[in-house]
Amino acid sequence: MGDRDGDVLDAGQERRVAVSLFNATWPLLRRTDRTVEDDLRMLHMAHASRFHWGEIGEPVNLARGEWLCSRVYAVLGRAEPARFHAEMSLRVCDEHGIGDFDLAYAHEALARALRVVGDHAGASAEAIRARDLADQIADPDDREHFLSDLEDLLPS
């Protein structure tokens, strides 16, 4: 994103690092037997991925990076940063006209963050909003995956 003093990595390297860290976060997110060290590793990888996307990525990459940070914080039960990063993901989507999969997931992130806060009514409302946005996800496989991820947040 323009000239930066002290660049260490070129754009291709930044992209590879961002993708690698994003993908490496997922196995830890799925584990139920994480240690404190695993939690810290997962958190640092999510933030590092977002940082590298911020250096060279498009707005959609920033929205996804913010979403991942929010998801990690929600999994860790850290309400305030989960909400902050969910709201940042929504803000990036709104400011750049990003819809589809990314907008639906931004609302999913906010629903998770609100659930961690204990705002169950707000979490349900956001989950319903996210479900409604699923109709705008163009790819049927992406839509199915999203709805599967959202299932535990929807009111019964």
N, C-alpha and C. Protein backbone atom coordinates (compact mmCIF):
# COMPACT_ATOMS: atom_id res chain seq x y z
N MET A 1 0.84 -1.16 0.00
CA MET A 1 0.00 0.00 0.00
C MET A 1 0.89 1.23 0.00
N GLY A 2 1.59 1.40 -1.10
CA GLY A 2 2.46 2.55 -1.22
C GLY A 2 3.87 2.25 -0.74
N ASP A 3 4.72 3.26 -0.83
CA ASP A 3 6.09 3.13 -0.35
C ASP A 3 6.10 3.07 1.16
N ARG A 4 6.87 2.12 1.66
CA ARG A 4 7.01 1.99 3.11
C ARG A 4 8.49 1.91 3.42
N ASP A 5 8.92 2.67 4.37
CA ASP A 5 10.30 2.60 4.81
C ASP A 5 10.52 1.30 5.56
N GLY A 6 11.66 0.70 5.34
CA GLY A 6 12.02 -0.49 6.10
C GLY A 6 11.35 -1.76 5.62
N ASP A 7 10.85 -1.81 4.38
CA ASP A 7 10.24 -3.04 3.88
C ASP A 7 11.26 -4.18 3.95
N VAL A 8 10.80 -5.30 4.46
CA VAL A 8 11.66 -6.47 4.56
C VAL A 8 11.23 -7.51 3.52
N LEU A 9 9.93 -7.58 3.27
CA LEU A 9 9.38 -8.57 2.36
C LEU A 9 8.82 -7.88 1.13
N ASP A 10 8.95 -8.55 -0.03
CA ASP A 10 8.29 -8.01 -1.21
C ASP A 10 6.82 -8.46 -1.18
N ALA A 11 6.03 -7.94 -2.11
CA ALA A 11 4.59 -8.20 -2.10
C ALA A 11 4.27 -9.70 -2.18
N GLY A 12 5.00 -10.43 -2.98
CA GLY A 12 4.76 -11.87 -3.09
C GLY A 12 5.04 -12.59 -1.79
N GLN A 13 6.10 -12.19 -1.12
CA GLN A 13 6.43 -12.79 0.17
C GLN A 13 5.37 -12.42 1.22
N GLU A 14 4.95 -11.15 1.21
CA GLU A 14 3.89 -10.72 2.15
C GLU A 14 2.64 -11.58 1.96
N ARG A 15 2.26 -11.78 0.71
CA ARG A 15 1.05 -12.57 0.41
C ARG A 15 1.21 -14.01 0.91
N ARG A 16 2.35 -14.62 0.63
CA ARG A 16 2.56 -16.01 1.07
C ARG A 16 2.52 -16.12 2.59
N VAL A 17 3.11 -15.16 3.28
CA VAL A 17 3.12 -15.18 4.74
C VAL A 17 1.69 -14.99 5.27
N ALA A 18 0.96 -14.03 4.70
CA ALA A 18 -0.41 -13.76 5.14
C ALA A 18 -1.29 -15.00 4.97
N VAL A 19 -1.22 -15.63 3.81
CA VAL A 19 -2.02 -16.83 3.54
C VAL A 19 -1.61 -17.96 4.46
N SER A 20 -0.31 -18.17 4.59
CA SER A 20 0.19 -19.26 5.41
C SER A 20 -0.25 -19.12 6.86
N LEU A 21 -0.14 -17.92 7.42
CA LEU A 21 -0.55 -17.70 8.80
C LEU A 21 -2.06 -17.84 8.97
N PHE A 22 -2.83 -17.34 8.01
CA PHE A 22 -4.29 -17.48 8.05
C PHE A 22 -4.66 -18.96 8.10
N ASN A 23 -4.09 -19.73 7.18
CA ASN A 23 -4.41 -21.16 7.10
C ASN A 23 -3.91 -21.93 8.32
N ALA A 24 -2.77 -21.55 8.87
CA ALA A 24 -2.20 -22.26 10.02
C ALA A 24 -3.00 -22.01 11.30
N THR A 25 -3.81 -20.98 11.31
CA THR A 25 -4.64 -20.68 12.48
C THR A 25 -5.77 -21.70 12.63
N TRP A 26 -6.26 -22.22 11.52
CA TRP A 26 -7.45 -23.09 11.56
C TRP A 26 -7.29 -24.37 12.35
N PRO A 27 -6.20 -25.11 12.20
CA PRO A 27 -6.09 -26.33 13.02
C PRO A 27 -6.16 -26.04 14.52
N LEU A 28 -5.58 -24.93 14.95
CA LEU A 28 -5.66 -24.57 16.36
C LEU A 28 -7.07 -24.16 16.76
N LEU A 29 -7.76 -23.43 15.89
CA LEU A 29 -9.14 -23.04 16.19
C LEU A 29 -10.03 -24.26 16.41
N ARG A 30 -9.78 -25.31 15.66
CA ARG A 30 -10.63 -26.51 15.73
C ARG A 30 -10.32 -27.39 16.93
N ARG A 31 -9.14 -27.25 17.50
CA ARG A 31 -8.75 -28.11 18.62
C ARG A 31 -9.51 -27.76 19.88
N THR A 32 -9.83 -28.77 20.64
CA THR A 32 -10.49 -28.56 21.92
C THR A 32 -9.53 -28.75 23.08
N ASP A 33 -8.32 -29.19 22.78
CA ASP A 33 -7.33 -29.46 23.83
C ASP A 33 -6.15 -28.49 23.76
N ARG A 34 -6.42 -27.25 23.33
CA ARG A 34 -5.34 -26.26 23.22
C ARG A 34 -4.76 -25.93 24.58
N THR A 35 -3.47 -25.68 24.59
CA THR A 35 -2.80 -25.19 25.79
C THR A 35 -2.80 -23.67 25.75
N VAL A 36 -2.36 -23.05 26.82
CA VAL A 36 -2.22 -21.60 26.84
C VAL A 36 -1.25 -21.16 25.74
N GLU A 37 -0.19 -21.92 25.55
CA GLU A 37 0.77 -21.61 24.49
C GLU A 37 0.12 -21.71 23.11
N ASP A 38 -0.74 -22.72 22.91
CA ASP A 38 -1.47 -22.85 21.65
C ASP A 38 -2.37 -21.66 21.42
N ASP A 39 -3.06 -21.22 22.48
CA ASP A 39 -3.95 -20.06 22.37
C ASP A 39 -3.17 -18.82 21.95
N LEU A 40 -2.01 -18.61 22.56
CA LEU A 40 -1.20 -17.45 22.21
C LEU A 40 -0.68 -17.55 20.78
N ARG A 41 -0.26 -18.73 20.39
CA ARG A 41 0.22 -18.95 19.02
C ARG A 41 -0.89 -18.62 18.02
N MET A 42 -2.09 -19.13 18.29
CA MET A 42 -3.24 -18.90 17.42
C MET A 42 -3.55 -17.40 17.32
N LEU A 43 -3.54 -16.74 18.43
CA LEU A 43 -3.83 -15.30 18.47
C LEU A 43 -2.77 -14.51 17.70
N HIS A 44 -1.52 -14.82 17.92
CA HIS A 44 -0.45 -14.09 17.23
C HIS A 44 -0.45 -14.37 15.73
N MET A 45 -0.77 -15.61 15.35
CA MET A 45 -0.83 -15.92 13.92
C MET A 45 -1.96 -15.15 13.24
N ALA A 46 -3.11 -15.06 13.89
CA ALA A 46 -4.24 -14.32 13.30
C ALA A 46 -3.86 -12.85 13.12
N HIS A 47 -3.27 -12.25 14.13
CA HIS A 47 -2.88 -10.85 14.03
C HIS A 47 -1.77 -10.65 13.00
N ALA A 48 -0.82 -11.56 12.96
CA ALA A 48 0.27 -11.44 11.99
C ALA A 48 -0.26 -11.56 10.57
N SER A 49 -1.20 -12.47 10.35
CA SER A 49 -1.80 -12.60 9.02
C SER A 49 -2.48 -11.29 8.63
N ARG A 50 -3.27 -10.73 9.54
CA ARG A 50 -3.94 -9.46 9.26
C ARG A 50 -2.94 -8.35 8.99
N PHE A 51 -1.85 -8.33 9.72
CA PHE A 51 -0.81 -7.32 9.50
C PHE A 51 -0.25 -7.42 8.08
N HIS A 52 0.10 -8.63 7.67
CA HIS A 52 0.69 -8.80 6.33
C HIS A 52 -0.32 -8.47 5.23
N TRP A 53 -1.60 -8.82 5.43
CA TRP A 53 -2.61 -8.41 4.46
C TRP A 53 -2.72 -6.89 4.41
N GLY A 54 -2.57 -6.26 5.56
CA GLY A 54 -2.62 -4.81 5.60
C GLY A 54 -1.51 -4.15 4.81
N GLU A 55 -0.42 -4.85 4.65
CA GLU A 55 0.70 -4.31 3.89
C GLU A 55 0.46 -4.37 2.38
N ILE A 56 -0.22 -5.40 1.90
CA ILE A 56 -0.33 -5.59 0.44
C ILE A 56 -1.71 -5.99 -0.04
N GLY A 57 -2.63 -6.26 0.86
CA GLY A 57 -3.91 -6.83 0.46
C GLY A 57 -4.93 -5.83 -0.04
N GLU A 58 -5.98 -6.38 -0.58
CA GLU A 58 -7.15 -5.63 -1.01
C GLU A 58 -8.11 -5.52 0.18
N PRO A 59 -9.10 -4.65 0.11
CA PRO A 59 -10.05 -4.54 1.22
C PRO A 59 -10.68 -5.88 1.64
N VAL A 60 -10.97 -6.75 0.70
CA VAL A 60 -11.57 -8.03 1.06
C VAL A 60 -10.63 -8.84 1.95
N ASN A 61 -9.32 -8.74 1.72
CA ASN A 61 -8.36 -9.44 2.57
C ASN A 61 -8.35 -8.85 3.97
N LEU A 62 -8.52 -7.54 4.06
CA LEU A 62 -8.56 -6.88 5.37
C LEU A 62 -9.81 -7.31 6.13
N ALA A 63 -10.95 -7.37 5.44
CA ALA A 63 -12.19 -7.81 6.09
C ALA A 63 -12.04 -9.24 6.62
N ARG A 64 -11.43 -10.10 5.83
CA ARG A 64 -11.23 -11.48 6.26
C ARG A 64 -10.23 -11.58 7.41
N GLY A 65 -9.21 -10.75 7.37
CA GLY A 65 -8.24 -10.74 8.47
C GLY A 65 -8.86 -10.29 9.77
N GLU A 66 -9.70 -9.25 9.70
CA GLU A 66 -10.40 -8.78 10.89
C GLU A 66 -11.36 -9.85 11.39
N TRP A 67 -12.04 -10.53 10.45
CA TRP A 67 -12.95 -11.61 10.82
C TRP A 67 -12.19 -12.70 11.59
N LEU A 68 -11.01 -13.10 11.08
CA LEU A 68 -10.26 -14.16 11.74
C LEU A 68 -9.84 -13.73 13.14
N CYS A 69 -9.38 -12.51 13.30
CA CYS A 69 -9.02 -12.04 14.64
C CYS A 69 -10.23 -12.11 15.56
N SER A 70 -11.39 -11.69 15.07
CA SER A 70 -12.61 -11.74 15.88
C SER A 70 -12.94 -13.18 16.27
N ARG A 71 -12.83 -14.08 15.32
CA ARG A 71 -13.16 -15.49 15.59
C ARG A 71 -12.24 -16.07 16.66
N VAL A 72 -10.96 -15.76 16.55
CA VAL A 72 -10.01 -16.27 17.54
C VAL A 72 -10.35 -15.73 18.93
N TYR A 73 -10.60 -14.43 19.02
CA TYR A 73 -10.94 -13.86 20.31
C TYR A 73 -12.24 -14.45 20.85
N ALA A 74 -13.22 -14.69 19.99
CA ALA A 74 -14.48 -15.29 20.44
C ALA A 74 -14.24 -16.69 20.99
N VAL A 75 -13.43 -17.47 20.30
CA VAL A 75 -13.11 -18.82 20.75
C VAL A 75 -12.39 -18.76 22.10
N LEU A 76 -11.59 -17.73 22.31
CA LEU A 76 -10.86 -17.58 23.57
C LEU A 76 -11.71 -16.93 24.67
N GLY A 77 -12.95 -16.56 24.33
CA GLY A 77 -13.84 -15.96 25.31
C GLY A 77 -13.50 -14.52 25.66
N ARG A 78 -12.84 -13.83 24.75
CA ARG A 78 -12.41 -12.45 24.98
C ARG A 78 -13.36 -11.51 24.22
N ALA A 79 -14.37 -11.07 24.92
CA ALA A 79 -15.50 -10.37 24.31
C ALA A 79 -15.13 -9.05 23.64
N GLU A 80 -14.43 -8.18 24.34
CA GLU A 80 -14.18 -6.83 23.80
C GLU A 80 -13.38 -6.88 22.50
N PRO A 81 -12.25 -7.59 22.43
CA PRO A 81 -11.55 -7.61 21.15
C PRO A 81 -12.30 -8.40 20.07
N ALA A 82 -13.09 -9.40 20.47
CA ALA A 82 -13.89 -10.13 19.48
C ALA A 82 -14.88 -9.17 18.82
N ARG A 83 -15.50 -8.35 19.62
CA ARG A 83 -16.47 -7.39 19.09
C ARG A 83 -15.77 -6.32 18.24
N PHE A 84 -14.66 -5.81 18.74
CA PHE A 84 -13.91 -4.78 18.01
C PHE A 84 -13.55 -5.26 16.61
N HIS A 85 -12.98 -6.46 16.50
CA HIS A 85 -12.54 -6.96 15.20
C HIS A 85 -13.73 -7.32 14.30
N ALA A 86 -14.83 -7.79 14.89
CA ALA A 86 -16.05 -8.03 14.10
C ALA A 86 -16.56 -6.72 13.51
N GLU A 87 -16.58 -5.69 14.34
CA GLU A 87 -17.03 -4.38 13.85
C GLU A 87 -16.09 -3.82 12.79
N MET A 88 -14.80 -4.07 12.93
CA MET A 88 -13.85 -3.64 11.91
C MET A 88 -14.09 -4.38 10.59
N SER A 89 -14.39 -5.66 10.67
CA SER A 89 -14.69 -6.43 9.46
C SER A 89 -15.93 -5.86 8.78
N LEU A 90 -16.96 -5.57 9.56
CA LEU A 90 -18.19 -4.97 9.01
C LEU A 90 -17.89 -3.60 8.40
N ARG A 91 -17.08 -2.83 9.07
CA ARG A 91 -16.74 -1.49 8.58
C ARG A 91 -16.03 -1.56 7.23
N VAL A 92 -15.07 -2.47 7.10
CA VAL A 92 -14.36 -2.63 5.83
C VAL A 92 -15.35 -3.04 4.74
N CYS A 93 -16.23 -3.98 5.05
CA CYS A 93 -17.24 -4.41 4.07
C CYS A 93 -18.11 -3.23 3.65
N ASP A 94 -18.59 -2.46 4.62
CA ASP A 94 -19.46 -1.32 4.33
C ASP A 94 -18.73 -0.25 3.51
N GLU A 95 -17.52 0.09 3.91
CA GLU A 95 -16.78 1.16 3.24
C GLU A 95 -16.39 0.81 1.81
N HIS A 96 -16.25 -0.48 1.53
CA HIS A 96 -15.77 -0.90 0.21
C HIS A 96 -16.82 -1.66 -0.60
N GLY A 97 -18.05 -1.66 -0.13
CA GLY A 97 -19.13 -2.32 -0.87
C GLY A 97 -18.93 -3.82 -1.00
N ILE A 98 -18.34 -4.43 -0.01
CA ILE A 98 -18.09 -5.88 -0.04
C ILE A 98 -19.32 -6.59 0.50
N GLY A 99 -19.83 -7.52 -0.27
CA GLY A 99 -21.01 -8.27 0.13
C GLY A 99 -20.72 -9.75 0.13
N ASP A 100 -21.70 -10.52 -0.32
CA ASP A 100 -21.56 -11.95 -0.51
C ASP A 100 -21.10 -12.62 0.79
N PHE A 101 -20.21 -13.56 0.65
CA PHE A 101 -19.62 -14.38 1.70
C PHE A 101 -19.04 -13.53 2.84
N ASP A 102 -18.30 -12.50 2.48
CA ASP A 102 -17.57 -11.72 3.48
C ASP A 102 -18.49 -10.90 4.38
N LEU A 103 -19.53 -10.31 3.82
CA LEU A 103 -20.47 -9.54 4.63
C LEU A 103 -21.24 -10.47 5.56
N ALA A 104 -21.65 -11.61 5.06
CA ALA A 104 -22.37 -12.57 5.90
C ALA A 104 -21.48 -13.02 7.06
N TYR A 105 -20.21 -13.30 6.78
CA TYR A 105 -19.30 -13.72 7.84
C TYR A 105 -18.99 -12.59 8.81
N ALA A 106 -18.97 -11.36 8.36
CA ALA A 106 -18.76 -10.24 9.28
C ALA A 106 -19.90 -10.18 10.30
N HIS A 107 -21.13 -10.42 9.85
CA HIS A 107 -22.26 -10.45 10.78
C HIS A 107 -22.20 -11.68 11.68
N GLU A 108 -21.73 -12.78 11.14
CA GLU A 108 -21.54 -13.99 11.96
C GLU A 108 -20.53 -13.71 13.07
N ALA A 109 -19.45 -13.00 12.74
CA ALA A 109 -18.45 -12.66 13.75
C ALA A 109 -19.04 -11.79 14.84
N LEU A 110 -19.86 -10.82 14.45
CA LEU A 110 -20.48 -9.96 15.45
C LEU A 110 -21.44 -10.77 16.33
N ALA A 111 -22.16 -11.70 15.74
CA ALA A 111 -23.05 -12.56 16.52
C ALA A 111 -22.25 -13.36 17.56
N ARG A 112 -21.12 -13.91 17.15
CA ARG A 112 -20.28 -14.67 18.10
C ARG A 112 -19.75 -13.77 19.21
N ALA A 113 -19.30 -12.58 18.82
CA ALA A 113 -18.77 -11.65 19.81
C ALA A 113 -19.85 -11.26 20.82
N LEU A 114 -21.05 -11.00 20.34
CA LEU A 114 -22.15 -10.62 21.24
C LEU A 114 -22.53 -11.77 22.16
N ARG A 115 -22.42 -12.97 21.65
CA ARG A 115 -22.70 -14.14 22.49
C ARG A 115 -21.68 -14.23 23.62
N VAL A 116 -20.41 -13.96 23.30
CA VAL A 116 -19.37 -13.99 24.33
C VAL A 116 -19.63 -12.92 25.39
N VAL A 117 -20.10 -11.76 24.96
CA VAL A 117 -20.43 -10.68 25.88
C VAL A 117 -21.59 -11.08 26.80
N GLY A 118 -22.44 -12.00 26.33
CA GLY A 118 -23.63 -12.37 27.08
C GLY A 118 -24.88 -11.70 26.57
N ASP A 119 -24.76 -10.99 25.44
CA ASP A 119 -25.91 -10.32 24.82
C ASP A 119 -26.58 -11.32 23.87
N HIS A 120 -27.36 -12.20 24.44
CA HIS A 120 -27.96 -13.28 23.63
C HIS A 120 -28.99 -12.75 22.64
N ALA A 121 -29.73 -11.72 23.01
CA ALA A 121 -30.71 -11.15 22.08
C ALA A 121 -29.98 -10.51 20.89
N GLY A 122 -28.93 -9.76 21.17
CA GLY A 122 -28.14 -9.15 20.09
C GLY A 122 -27.48 -10.19 19.22
N ALA A 123 -26.96 -11.25 19.85
CA ALA A 123 -26.31 -12.33 19.10
C ALA A 123 -27.32 -13.02 18.18
N SER A 124 -28.52 -13.27 18.69
CA SER A 124 -29.56 -13.89 17.87
C SER A 124 -29.95 -13.00 16.69
N ALA A 125 -30.09 -11.71 16.95
CA ALA A 125 -30.45 -10.76 15.88
C ALA A 125 -29.38 -10.73 14.80
N GLU A 126 -28.12 -10.70 15.20
CA GLU A 126 -27.03 -10.70 14.22
C GLU A 126 -26.95 -12.02 13.46
N ALA A 127 -27.19 -13.12 14.15
CA ALA A 127 -27.17 -14.43 13.49
C ALA A 127 -28.29 -14.51 12.45
N ILE A 128 -29.45 -13.97 12.78
CA ILE A 128 -30.57 -13.96 11.82
C ILE A 128 -30.22 -13.07 10.63
N ARG A 129 -29.61 -11.92 10.90
CA ARG A 129 -29.17 -11.02 9.82
C ARG A 129 -28.17 -11.75 8.92
N ALA A 130 -27.24 -12.46 9.54
CA ALA A 130 -26.25 -13.22 8.77
C ALA A 130 -26.93 -14.29 7.93
N ARG A 131 -27.90 -14.99 8.52
CA ARG A 131 -28.62 -16.03 7.77
C ARG A 131 -29.34 -15.42 6.58
N ASP A 132 -29.95 -14.26 6.77
CA ASP A 132 -30.64 -13.59 5.67
C ASP A 132 -29.66 -13.22 4.56
N LEU A 133 -28.44 -12.84 4.94
CA LEU A 133 -27.42 -12.48 3.95
C LEU A 133 -26.90 -13.70 3.19
N ALA A 134 -27.10 -14.88 3.74
CA ALA A 134 -26.65 -16.11 3.07
C ALA A 134 -27.29 -16.25 1.69
N ASP A 135 -28.49 -15.70 1.53
CA ASP A 135 -29.16 -15.77 0.23
C ASP A 135 -28.36 -15.04 -0.85
N GLN A 136 -27.49 -14.11 -0.45
CA GLN A 136 -26.70 -13.33 -1.40
C GLN A 136 -25.34 -13.96 -1.70
N ILE A 137 -25.04 -15.10 -1.07
CA ILE A 137 -23.77 -15.78 -1.35
C ILE A 137 -23.93 -16.53 -2.65
N ALA A 138 -23.16 -16.11 -3.65
CA ALA A 138 -23.32 -16.63 -5.01
C ALA A 138 -22.98 -18.11 -5.14
N ASP A 139 -21.89 -18.53 -4.55
CA ASP A 139 -21.43 -19.91 -4.70
C ASP A 139 -22.21 -20.82 -3.74
N PRO A 140 -22.90 -21.83 -4.28
CA PRO A 140 -23.70 -22.71 -3.43
C PRO A 140 -22.88 -23.44 -2.35
N ASP A 141 -21.65 -23.82 -2.69
CA ASP A 141 -20.80 -24.49 -1.70
C ASP A 141 -20.42 -23.53 -0.57
N ASP A 142 -20.10 -22.29 -0.93
CA ASP A 142 -19.79 -21.28 0.09
C ASP A 142 -21.00 -21.03 0.97
N ARG A 143 -22.18 -20.95 0.35
CA ARG A 143 -23.41 -20.71 1.11
C ARG A 143 -23.66 -21.86 2.09
N GLU A 144 -23.50 -23.08 1.62
CA GLU A 144 -23.72 -24.25 2.47
C GLU A 144 -22.72 -24.27 3.63
N HIS A 145 -21.46 -23.97 3.33
CA HIS A 145 -20.42 -23.93 4.37
C HIS A 145 -20.76 -22.85 5.40
N PHE A 146 -21.15 -21.68 4.92
CA PHE A 146 -21.49 -20.58 5.82
C PHE A 146 -22.65 -20.97 6.73
N LEU A 147 -23.71 -21.52 6.16
CA LEU A 147 -24.88 -21.88 6.96
C LEU A 147 -24.52 -22.94 8.00
N SER A 148 -23.62 -23.84 7.66
CA SER A 148 -23.15 -24.83 8.61
C SER A 148 -22.41 -24.16 9.77
N ASP A 149 -21.55 -23.18 9.46
CA ASP A 149 -20.84 -22.45 10.51
C ASP A 149 -21.77 -21.64 11.39
N LEU A 150 -22.85 -21.17 10.82
CA LEU A 150 -23.78 -20.29 11.53
C LEU A 150 -24.75 -21.05 12.41
N GLU A 151 -24.92 -22.32 12.14
CA GLU A 151 -25.95 -23.14 12.79
C GLU A 151 -25.98 -23.02 14.32
N ASP A 152 -24.82 -23.05 14.96
CA ASP A 152 -24.81 -23.01 16.43
C ASP A 152 -25.19 -21.65 17.00
N LEU A 153 -25.29 -20.62 16.15
CA LEU A 153 -25.63 -19.29 16.62
C LEU A 153 -27.11 -18.95 16.48
N LEU A 154 -27.80 -19.68 15.63
CA LEU A 154 -29.21 -19.36 15.35
C LEU A 154 -30.11 -19.79 16.51
N PRO A 155 -31.09 -18.94 16.82
CA PRO A 155 -32.02 -19.32 17.88
C PRO A 155 -32.82 -20.56 17.48
N SER A 156 -33.13 -21.40 18.45
CA SER A 156 -33.88 -22.63 18.11
C SER A 156 -35.36 -22.39 18.06
